[in-house]
Amino acid sequence: MRVIVAGADERGIGEAISAEGHEVTAVDVADGESLEAAGIEEMDAYVLTEMAQATSIAVAKDHNPEIRVVVYAEGSLPDFATRQADLVVDPSLLDADAVAAEFDAGAN
C-alpha cells in the first residue's frame, strides 16, 4: 500500500506504517502542489497528523476520490472534513504502532 503522511508526524505514525511494510511518503505542508509532487493520484491512503491542515483532506480527495483518509491527531475535525475522513483516531487513545497494525489489517 502507498501512503502519504501529512503534517508534523510527532507521534511516528509514518514510521509505524512503514514498519508494517507499506511505502510511505511524508509531506510537511499538505497543499495541492506538495500532494501532486508526492504522487497523490497513485496513493492508496492519506494520513493527516495535524488538525490545522484539515482542508488538505478535500484537496487529497479532489486529486484522488478513492483515497482512504485517516486522521491521526488530537482535537476536533471540522464538519466538512469529518464527512471525507474514513477514520479519525486520537493519538492519546491509541499509539502509532496499534493504529499502523489496524491500518494494515484494513488494507487486506
C-alpha atoms as a PDB file:
ATOM      1  CA  MET A   1       0.000   0.000   0.000  1.00  0.00           C
ATOM      2  CA  ARG A   2       1.220   3.521  -0.808  1.00  0.00           C
ATOM      3  CA  VAL A   3       0.587   6.135   1.860  1.00  0.00           C
ATOM      4  CA  ILE A   4       1.119   9.886   2.231  1.00  0.00           C
ATOM      5  CA  VAL A   5       1.623  11.112   5.789  1.00  0.00           C
ATOM      6  CA  ALA A   6       0.959  14.842   6.015  1.00  0.00           C
ATOM      7  CA  GLY A   7       1.956  17.213   8.781  1.00  0.00           C
ATOM      8  CA  ALA A   8       4.446  17.155  11.603  1.00  0.00           C
ATOM      9  CA  ASP A   9       4.420  13.464  12.437  1.00  0.00           C
ATOM     10  CA  GLU A  10       5.360  13.883  16.091  1.00  0.00           C
ATOM     11  CA  ARG A  11       3.847  10.533  17.122  1.00  0.00           C
ATOM     12  CA  GLY A  12       5.657   8.475  14.459  1.00  0.00           C
ATOM     13  CA  ILE A  13       2.679   7.116  12.545  1.00  0.00           C
ATOM     14  CA  GLY A  14       4.631   7.257   9.272  1.00  0.00           C
ATOM     15  CA  GLU A  15       7.433   5.149  10.694  1.00  0.00           C
ATOM     16  CA  ALA A  16       4.944   2.684  12.187  1.00  0.00           C
ATOM     17  CA  ILE A  17       3.096   2.308   8.865  1.00  0.00           C
ATOM     18  CA  SER A  18       6.421   1.841   7.080  1.00  0.00           C
ATOM     19  CA  ALA A  19       7.374  -0.858   9.605  1.00  0.00           C
ATOM     20  CA  GLU A  20       4.205  -2.707   8.560  1.00  0.00           C
ATOM     21  CA  GLY A  21       5.670  -2.906   5.052  1.00  0.00           C
ATOM     22  CA  HIS A  22       3.928  -0.002   3.348  1.00  0.00           C
ATOM     23  CA  GLU A  23       5.531   2.661   1.157  1.00  0.00           C
ATOM     24  CA  VAL A  24       5.297   5.999   2.994  1.00  0.00           C
ATOM     25  CA  THR A  25       5.844   9.477   1.555  1.00  0.00           C
ATOM     26  CA  ALA A  26       5.900  12.382   4.011  1.00  0.00           C
ATOM     27  CA  VAL A  27       4.927  15.993   3.350  1.00  0.00           C
ATOM     28  CA  ASP A  28       5.139  18.741   5.970  1.00  0.00           C
ATOM     29  CA  VAL A  29       2.586  21.076   4.417  1.00  0.00           C
ATOM     30  CA  ALA A  30      -0.197  19.381   2.512  1.00  0.00           C
ATOM     31  CA  ASP A  31      -1.276  21.667  -0.295  1.00  0.00           C
ATOM     32  CA  GLY A  32      -2.140  20.855  -3.888  1.00  0.00           C
ATOM     33  CA  GLU A  33       1.407  21.320  -5.115  1.00  0.00           C
ATOM     34  CA  SER A  34       3.079  19.159  -2.459  1.00  0.00           C
ATOM     35  CA  LEU A  35       0.433  16.436  -2.731  1.00  0.00           C
ATOM     36  CA  GLU A  36       0.817  16.311  -6.509  1.00  0.00           C
ATOM     37  CA  ALA A  37       4.599  16.140  -6.154  1.00  0.00           C
ATOM     38  CA  ALA A  38       4.173  13.263  -3.678  1.00  0.00           C
ATOM     39  CA  GLY A  39       2.030  11.350  -6.192  1.00  0.00           C
ATOM     40  CA  ILE A  40      -1.376  11.666  -4.512  1.00  0.00           C
ATOM     41  CA  GLU A  41      -3.119  10.333  -7.631  1.00  0.00           C
ATOM     42  CA  GLU A  42      -1.435   6.928  -7.217  1.00  0.00           C
ATOM     43  CA  MET A  43      -1.657   6.685  -3.420  1.00  0.00           C
ATOM     44  CA  ASP A  44      -3.933   4.320  -1.533  1.00  0.00           C
ATOM     45  CA  ALA A  45      -4.165   6.254   1.735  1.00  0.00           C
ATOM     46  CA  TYR A  46      -3.724   9.735   3.146  1.00  0.00           C
ATOM     47  CA  VAL A  47      -2.827  10.111   6.832  1.00  0.00           C
ATOM     48  CA  LEU A  48      -3.182  13.573   8.325  1.00  0.00           C
ATOM     49  CA  THR A  49      -1.351  14.307  11.582  1.00  0.00           C
ATOM     50  CA  GLU A  50      -2.405  17.941  12.168  1.00  0.00           C
ATOM     51  CA  MET A  51      -5.979  19.203  12.524  1.00  0.00           C
ATOM     52  CA  ALA A  52      -4.762  22.629  11.373  1.00  0.00           C
ATOM     53  CA  GLN A  53      -4.339  21.138   7.893  1.00  0.00           C
ATOM     54  CA  ALA A  54      -7.844  19.641   7.715  1.00  0.00           C
ATOM     55  CA  THR A  55      -8.593  21.453   4.447  1.00  0.00           C
ATOM     56  CA  SER A  56      -5.953  19.234   2.844  1.00  0.00           C
ATOM     57  CA  ILE A  57      -8.391  16.317   3.086  1.00  0.00           C
ATOM     58  CA  ALA A  58     -10.590  17.963   0.448  1.00  0.00           C
ATOM     59  CA  VAL A  59      -7.521  18.635  -1.700  1.00  0.00           C
ATOM     60  CA  ALA A  60      -6.433  14.997  -1.434  1.00  0.00           C
ATOM     61  CA  LYS A  61      -9.945  13.788  -2.323  1.00  0.00           C
ATOM     62  CA  ASP A  62     -10.075  16.179  -5.295  1.00  0.00           C
ATOM     63  CA  HIS A  63      -6.887  14.604  -6.669  1.00  0.00           C
ATOM     64  CA  ASN A  64      -7.848  11.033  -5.763  1.00  0.00           C
ATOM     65  CA  PRO A  65     -11.532  10.468  -4.896  1.00  0.00           C
ATOM     66  CA  GLU A  66     -10.923   6.836  -3.898  1.00  0.00           C
ATOM     67  CA  ILE A  67      -8.115   7.538  -1.423  1.00  0.00           C
ATOM     68  CA  ARG A  68      -8.608   6.268   2.128  1.00  0.00           C
ATOM     69  CA  VAL A  69      -8.301   9.150   4.628  1.00  0.00           C
ATOM     70  CA  VAL A  70      -7.052   8.532   8.158  1.00  0.00           C
ATOM     71  CA  VAL A  71      -6.695  11.385  10.639  1.00  0.00           C
ATOM     72  CA  TYR A  72      -4.257  10.671  13.470  1.00  0.00           C
ATOM     73  CA  ALA A  73      -4.292  13.859  15.505  1.00  0.00           C
ATOM     74  CA  GLU A  74      -5.601  15.444  18.683  1.00  0.00           C
ATOM     75  CA  GLY A  75      -8.501  17.857  18.574  1.00  0.00           C
ATOM     76  CA  SER A  76     -11.711  18.146  16.632  1.00  0.00           C
ATOM     77  CA  LEU A  77     -12.008  17.730  12.912  1.00  0.00           C
ATOM     78  CA  PRO A  78     -14.191  20.377  11.194  1.00  0.00           C
ATOM     79  CA  ASP A  79     -17.572  19.085   9.986  1.00  0.00           C
ATOM     80  CA  PHE A  80     -16.717  19.391   6.288  1.00  0.00           C
ATOM     81  CA  ALA A  81     -13.624  17.218   6.783  1.00  0.00           C
ATOM     82  CA  THR A  82     -15.384  14.683   9.012  1.00  0.00           C
ATOM     83  CA  ARG A  83     -17.581  13.663   6.090  1.00  0.00           C
ATOM     84  CA  GLN A  84     -14.497  12.954   3.965  1.00  0.00           C
ATOM     85  CA  ALA A  85     -12.434  11.082   6.567  1.00  0.00           C
ATOM     86  CA  ASP A  86     -12.657   7.300   6.755  1.00  0.00           C
ATOM     87  CA  LEU A  87     -11.117   7.031  10.217  1.00  0.00           C
ATOM     88  CA  VAL A  88     -10.269   9.562  12.942  1.00  0.00           C
ATOM     89  CA  VAL A  89      -8.027   8.421  15.810  1.00  0.00           C
ATOM     90  CA  ASP A  90      -6.855  10.429  18.814  1.00  0.00           C
ATOM     91  CA  PRO A  91      -3.177   9.580  19.486  1.00  0.00           C
ATOM     92  CA  SER A  92      -3.813   9.738  23.242  1.00  0.00           C
ATOM     93  CA  LEU A  93      -6.130   6.727  22.876  1.00  0.00           C
ATOM     94  CA  LEU A  94      -4.050   4.516  20.542  1.00  0.00           C
ATOM     95  CA  ASP A  95      -0.333   4.623  19.887  1.00  0.00           C
ATOM     96  CA  ALA A  96       1.097   4.731  16.382  1.00  0.00           C
ATOM     97  CA  ASP A  97       2.025   1.025  16.341  1.00  0.00           C
ATOM     98  CA  ALA A  98      -1.529  -0.036  17.212  1.00  0.00           C
ATOM     99  CA  VAL A  99      -3.009   2.219  14.546  1.00  0.00           C
ATOM    100  CA  ALA A 100      -0.492   1.031  11.942  1.00  0.00           C
ATOM    101  CA  ALA A 101      -1.371  -2.610  12.709  1.00  0.00           C
ATOM    102  CA  GLU A 102      -5.066  -1.868  12.238  1.00  0.00           C
ATOM    103  CA  PHE A 103      -4.280   0.185   9.173  1.00  0.00           C
ATOM    104  CA  ASP A 104      -2.543  -2.860   7.725  1.00  0.00           C
ATOM    105  CA  ALA A 105      -5.457  -5.148   8.646  1.00  0.00           C
ATOM    106  CA  GLY A 106      -7.909  -2.778   6.946  1.00  0.00           C
ATOM    107  CA  ALA A 107      -5.912  -2.991   3.715  1.00  0.00           C
ATOM    108  CA  ASN A 108      -6.474  -6.743   3.355  1.00  0.00           C
END
